[in-house]
Amino acid sequence: MAETERIPQHKHCIRCGKAFVDGVGRYCSSECKETKAEELKKKKNKLLLIWLIAVAVMIIAIVYEMNA
C-alpha cells in the first residue's frame, strides 16, 4: 500500500488563490490584501455610479411625464 503525503492545514488567498500555511487572515500577503481592497473600492464606486444614473433617469422620466 502506497503511503500518501499529508498536506498541512492551509488556506487559499481570496484574491490570487495561492495556498498559505499562516492560519490568520484571508490573504497570502499584504500586497494581495491592498490589491483586493482597491478592486473592491472600484467595484463599489461603479455600482454607486450606476445607481446614481438610474435615479437620475427615473427623475427625468417622472418630470417628463408630469409635463406631457
N, C-alpha and C. Protein backbone atom coordinates (compact mmCIF):
# COMPACT_ATOMS: atom_id res chain seq x y z
N MET A 1 0.84 -1.17 0.00
CA MET A 1 0.00 0.00 0.00
C MET A 1 0.90 1.25 0.00
N ALA A 2 0.64 2.18 -0.91
CA ALA A 2 1.47 3.38 -1.04
C ALA A 2 1.10 4.38 0.05
N GLU A 3 2.11 4.99 0.60
CA GLU A 3 1.89 5.98 1.64
C GLU A 3 1.61 7.32 0.98
N THR A 4 0.51 7.97 1.37
CA THR A 4 0.18 9.27 0.79
C THR A 4 0.78 10.37 1.63
N GLU A 5 1.20 11.41 0.95
CA GLU A 5 1.79 12.55 1.63
C GLU A 5 0.67 13.42 2.20
N ARG A 6 0.77 13.77 3.45
CA ARG A 6 -0.23 14.61 4.09
C ARG A 6 0.06 16.08 3.81
N ILE A 7 -0.96 16.79 3.43
CA ILE A 7 -0.82 18.22 3.18
C ILE A 7 -1.15 18.95 4.48
N PRO A 8 -0.27 19.86 4.93
CA PRO A 8 -0.56 20.57 6.19
C PRO A 8 -1.79 21.46 6.04
N GLN A 9 -2.43 21.76 7.16
CA GLN A 9 -3.57 22.66 7.15
C GLN A 9 -3.16 23.98 6.52
N HIS A 10 -3.98 24.47 5.63
CA HIS A 10 -3.66 25.71 4.94
C HIS A 10 -4.94 26.39 4.49
N LYS A 11 -4.79 27.60 4.03
CA LYS A 11 -5.90 28.37 3.46
C LYS A 11 -5.47 28.83 2.08
N HIS A 12 -6.45 29.30 1.31
CA HIS A 12 -6.16 29.87 0.00
C HIS A 12 -6.50 31.35 0.02
N CYS A 13 -5.62 32.14 -0.55
CA CYS A 13 -5.81 33.59 -0.64
C CYS A 13 -7.07 33.86 -1.44
N ILE A 14 -7.93 34.76 -0.94
CA ILE A 14 -9.18 35.04 -1.65
C ILE A 14 -8.96 35.91 -2.89
N ARG A 15 -7.78 36.47 -3.04
CA ARG A 15 -7.50 37.26 -4.24
C ARG A 15 -6.82 36.44 -5.32
N CYS A 16 -5.70 35.79 -4.98
CA CYS A 16 -4.91 35.10 -6.01
C CYS A 16 -5.06 33.58 -5.97
N GLY A 17 -5.63 33.04 -4.88
CA GLY A 17 -5.84 31.60 -4.80
C GLY A 17 -4.63 30.80 -4.33
N LYS A 18 -3.53 31.47 -4.06
CA LYS A 18 -2.31 30.80 -3.62
C LYS A 18 -2.51 30.23 -2.21
N ALA A 19 -2.04 29.00 -1.99
CA ALA A 19 -2.15 28.38 -0.68
C ALA A 19 -1.12 28.97 0.26
N PHE A 20 -1.52 29.17 1.52
CA PHE A 20 -0.58 29.65 2.53
C PHE A 20 -0.90 28.97 3.86
N VAL A 21 0.14 28.76 4.65
CA VAL A 21 0.00 28.00 5.89
C VAL A 21 -0.39 28.89 7.06
N ASP A 22 -0.05 30.14 7.02
CA ASP A 22 -0.39 31.06 8.11
C ASP A 22 -1.90 31.01 8.34
N GLY A 23 -2.33 30.60 9.51
CA GLY A 23 -3.74 30.41 9.78
C GLY A 23 -4.52 31.69 10.04
N VAL A 24 -3.86 32.82 10.04
CA VAL A 24 -4.52 34.08 10.34
C VAL A 24 -4.75 34.85 9.05
N GLY A 25 -5.93 35.38 8.88
CA GLY A 25 -6.21 36.22 7.74
C GLY A 25 -6.75 35.47 6.54
N ARG A 26 -7.08 36.23 5.51
CA ARG A 26 -7.68 35.67 4.30
C ARG A 26 -6.80 35.89 3.07
N TYR A 27 -5.66 36.53 3.26
CA TYR A 27 -4.77 36.86 2.15
C TYR A 27 -3.38 36.28 2.41
N CYS A 28 -2.67 35.98 1.31
CA CYS A 28 -1.33 35.41 1.46
C CYS A 28 -0.29 36.47 1.75
N SER A 29 -0.59 37.72 1.41
CA SER A 29 0.37 38.80 1.66
C SER A 29 -0.37 40.12 1.80
N SER A 30 0.32 41.13 2.30
CA SER A 30 -0.29 42.45 2.43
C SER A 30 -0.53 43.06 1.06
N GLU A 31 0.29 42.67 0.08
CA GLU A 31 0.09 43.16 -1.29
C GLU A 31 -1.26 42.69 -1.84
N CYS A 32 -1.57 41.41 -1.63
CA CYS A 32 -2.86 40.88 -2.08
C CYS A 32 -4.01 41.58 -1.35
N LYS A 33 -3.83 41.83 -0.07
CA LYS A 33 -4.87 42.48 0.72
C LYS A 33 -5.14 43.89 0.19
N GLU A 34 -4.07 44.64 -0.09
CA GLU A 34 -4.22 46.00 -0.60
C GLU A 34 -4.83 46.01 -2.00
N THR A 35 -4.39 45.08 -2.84
CA THR A 35 -4.92 45.00 -4.20
C THR A 35 -6.41 44.67 -4.18
N LYS A 36 -6.81 43.73 -3.32
CA LYS A 36 -8.22 43.37 -3.22
C LYS A 36 -9.04 44.54 -2.72
N ALA A 37 -8.51 45.30 -1.76
CA ALA A 37 -9.21 46.47 -1.25
C ALA A 37 -9.43 47.50 -2.36
N GLU A 38 -8.42 47.69 -3.21
CA GLU A 38 -8.56 48.62 -4.32
C GLU A 38 -9.60 48.12 -5.32
N GLU A 39 -9.60 46.80 -5.60
CA GLU A 39 -10.58 46.23 -6.52
C GLU A 39 -12.00 46.41 -5.98
N LEU A 40 -12.18 46.17 -4.69
CA LEU A 40 -13.50 46.32 -4.08
C LEU A 40 -13.96 47.78 -4.10
N LYS A 41 -13.02 48.69 -3.88
CA LYS A 41 -13.36 50.12 -3.91
C LYS A 41 -13.81 50.53 -5.31
N LYS A 42 -13.12 50.03 -6.34
CA LYS A 42 -13.52 50.34 -7.72
C LYS A 42 -14.90 49.78 -8.03
N LYS A 43 -15.16 48.54 -7.59
CA LYS A 43 -16.48 47.94 -7.82
C LYS A 43 -17.57 48.74 -7.12
N LYS A 44 -17.29 49.15 -5.89
CA LYS A 44 -18.26 49.92 -5.12
C LYS A 44 -18.57 51.25 -5.81
N ASN A 45 -17.53 51.92 -6.30
CA ASN A 45 -17.72 53.19 -6.99
C ASN A 45 -18.52 53.02 -8.28
N LYS A 46 -18.25 51.93 -9.03
CA LYS A 46 -19.02 51.67 -10.25
C LYS A 46 -20.48 51.43 -9.93
N LEU A 47 -20.75 50.65 -8.89
CA LEU A 47 -22.12 50.36 -8.50
C LEU A 47 -22.84 51.63 -8.07
N LEU A 48 -22.16 52.48 -7.31
CA LEU A 48 -22.74 53.75 -6.89
C LEU A 48 -23.07 54.62 -8.10
N LEU A 49 -22.19 54.66 -9.08
CA LEU A 49 -22.42 55.44 -10.29
C LEU A 49 -23.64 54.91 -11.05
N ILE A 50 -23.77 53.60 -11.14
CA ILE A 50 -24.92 53.01 -11.83
C ILE A 50 -26.22 53.39 -11.11
N TRP A 51 -26.21 53.31 -9.77
CA TRP A 51 -27.40 53.69 -9.01
C TRP A 51 -27.75 55.17 -9.22
N LEU A 52 -26.74 56.03 -9.21
CA LEU A 52 -27.00 57.45 -9.40
C LEU A 52 -27.58 57.73 -10.79
N ILE A 53 -27.05 57.05 -11.80
CA ILE A 53 -27.57 57.23 -13.16
C ILE A 53 -29.01 56.73 -13.23
N ALA A 54 -29.29 55.59 -12.60
CA ALA A 54 -30.65 55.04 -12.62
C ALA A 54 -31.63 56.00 -11.95
N VAL A 55 -31.25 56.56 -10.82
CA VAL A 55 -32.12 57.51 -10.11
C VAL A 55 -32.33 58.75 -10.96
N ALA A 56 -31.28 59.25 -11.59
CA ALA A 56 -31.40 60.43 -12.44
C ALA A 56 -32.34 60.16 -13.61
N VAL A 57 -32.23 59.01 -14.23
CA VAL A 57 -33.12 58.66 -15.35
C VAL A 57 -34.57 58.58 -14.88
N MET A 58 -34.78 57.98 -13.70
CA MET A 58 -36.15 57.89 -13.16
C MET A 58 -36.73 59.28 -12.90
N ILE A 59 -35.93 60.15 -12.31
CA ILE A 59 -36.40 61.51 -12.03
C ILE A 59 -36.73 62.23 -13.32
N ILE A 60 -35.86 62.12 -14.32
CA ILE A 60 -36.12 62.76 -15.61
C ILE A 60 -37.39 62.21 -16.24
N ALA A 61 -37.60 60.90 -16.16
CA ALA A 61 -38.81 60.29 -16.73
C ALA A 61 -40.05 60.79 -16.01
N ILE A 62 -40.01 60.90 -14.71
CA ILE A 62 -41.17 61.38 -13.94
C ILE A 62 -41.47 62.83 -14.29
N VAL A 63 -40.45 63.67 -14.34
CA VAL A 63 -40.65 65.09 -14.68
C VAL A 63 -41.19 65.21 -16.10
N TYR A 64 -40.67 64.42 -17.01
CA TYR A 64 -41.14 64.46 -18.40
C TYR A 64 -42.62 64.06 -18.48
N GLU A 65 -43.00 63.03 -17.76
CA GLU A 65 -44.40 62.57 -17.78
C GLU A 65 -45.33 63.61 -17.16
N MET A 66 -44.88 64.30 -16.13
CA MET A 66 -45.70 65.31 -15.48
C MET A 66 -45.95 66.50 -16.41
N ASN A 67 -44.98 66.81 -17.24
CA ASN A 67 -45.10 67.96 -18.14
C ASN A 67 -45.75 67.60 -19.46
N ALA A 68 -45.93 66.33 -19.75
CA ALA A 68 -46.51 65.92 -21.04
C ALA A 68 -48.00 66.05 -21.05
